[in-house]
Protein backbone atom coordinates (compact mmCIF):
# COMPACT_ATOMS: atom_id res chain seq x y z
CA MET A 1 118.11 108.57 114.11
CA SER A 2 115.50 108.74 111.36
CA LEU A 3 116.21 109.47 107.74
CA THR A 4 113.66 111.15 105.53
CA LEU A 5 114.14 111.00 101.78
CA THR A 6 112.48 113.65 99.68
CA THR A 7 112.26 113.43 95.92
CA ALA A 8 110.50 115.44 93.29
CA THR A 9 107.83 112.71 93.16
CA THR A 10 106.55 113.67 96.63
CA GLU A 11 106.41 117.38 95.85
CA ALA A 12 105.09 117.45 92.28
CA PRO A 13 104.46 115.03 89.42
CA ALA A 14 107.75 113.63 88.17
CA PRO A 15 108.94 114.80 84.77
CA GLU A 16 108.56 112.17 82.08
CA LEU A 17 111.65 110.12 81.31
CA ALA A 18 112.62 109.46 77.70
CA PRO A 19 112.49 105.80 76.62
CA ARG A 20 116.31 105.49 76.57
CA GLU A 21 116.52 107.09 80.02
CA ARG A 22 114.02 104.52 81.32
CA GLU A 23 115.99 101.69 79.72
CA THR A 24 119.24 102.99 81.22
CA LEU A 25 117.61 103.25 84.64
CA ARG A 26 116.33 99.68 84.34
CA HIS A 27 119.84 98.34 83.60
CA ILE A 28 121.49 100.27 86.44
CA ALA A 29 118.78 99.22 88.90
CA ALA A 30 119.39 95.60 87.85
CA GLY A 31 122.95 95.99 89.10
CA ARG A 32 124.75 96.47 85.80
CA THR A 33 127.77 98.75 85.58
CA TYR A 34 127.88 101.74 83.24
CA LEU A 35 130.02 99.70 80.83
CA GLN A 36 127.69 96.67 80.92
CA THR A 37 124.70 98.96 80.38
CA ALA A 38 126.44 100.67 77.48
CA ARG A 39 127.22 97.34 75.82
CA HIS A 40 123.62 96.10 76.22
CA MET A 41 122.28 99.35 74.75
CA GLY A 42 124.91 99.78 72.02
CA LEU A 43 126.16 103.06 73.51
CA SER A 44 129.34 104.46 74.99
CA LYS A 45 129.65 104.51 78.76
CA HIS A 46 129.81 108.31 78.49
CA THR A 47 126.32 108.34 76.96
CA VAL A 48 125.04 106.12 79.78
CA ASP A 49 126.58 108.58 82.25
CA ALA A 50 124.88 111.48 80.44
CA TYR A 51 121.48 109.71 80.59
CA LEU A 52 121.89 109.09 84.32
CA ARG A 53 122.93 112.69 84.95
CA ARG A 54 119.79 113.86 83.12
CA ILE A 55 117.60 111.49 85.14
CA ARG A 56 119.17 112.71 88.39
CA ALA A 57 118.68 116.35 87.38
CA LYS A 58 115.06 115.84 86.26
CA LEU A 59 114.09 114.00 89.43
CA ASN A 60 116.41 115.64 91.96
CA ILE A 61 118.04 112.32 92.84
CA ASN A 62 121.57 112.12 94.19
CA SER A 63 122.36 108.45 94.79
CA THR A 64 122.24 105.13 93.00
CA ALA A 65 120.12 103.78 95.86
CA GLU A 66 117.49 106.44 95.15
CA LEU A 67 117.68 105.62 91.43
CA THR A 68 117.08 101.96 92.22
CA ARG A 69 114.15 102.79 94.50
CA LEU A 70 112.66 104.90 91.71
CA ALA A 71 113.10 102.11 89.17
CA ILE A 72 111.32 99.67 91.49
CA SER A 73 108.45 102.09 92.07
CA MET A 74 108.15 102.55 88.28
CA GLY A 75 108.03 98.79 87.76
CA LEU A 76 111.26 98.71 85.80
């Protein structure tokens, strides 16, 4: 069985992420929890969740694995 992943990056240029969205993505891709990310960034975990929901919506990403793959491809 083969699995094909499609993201917005293969169909059109990806929307630009805000600096705090990029920072949040970097922390999550490094394996930090929402709470650890929030503490490192001086935010609430609800704000971290909001950033990640915006990233997922902008880039049509549904899983943390896809978020991590994106972070790696962006050099984060």
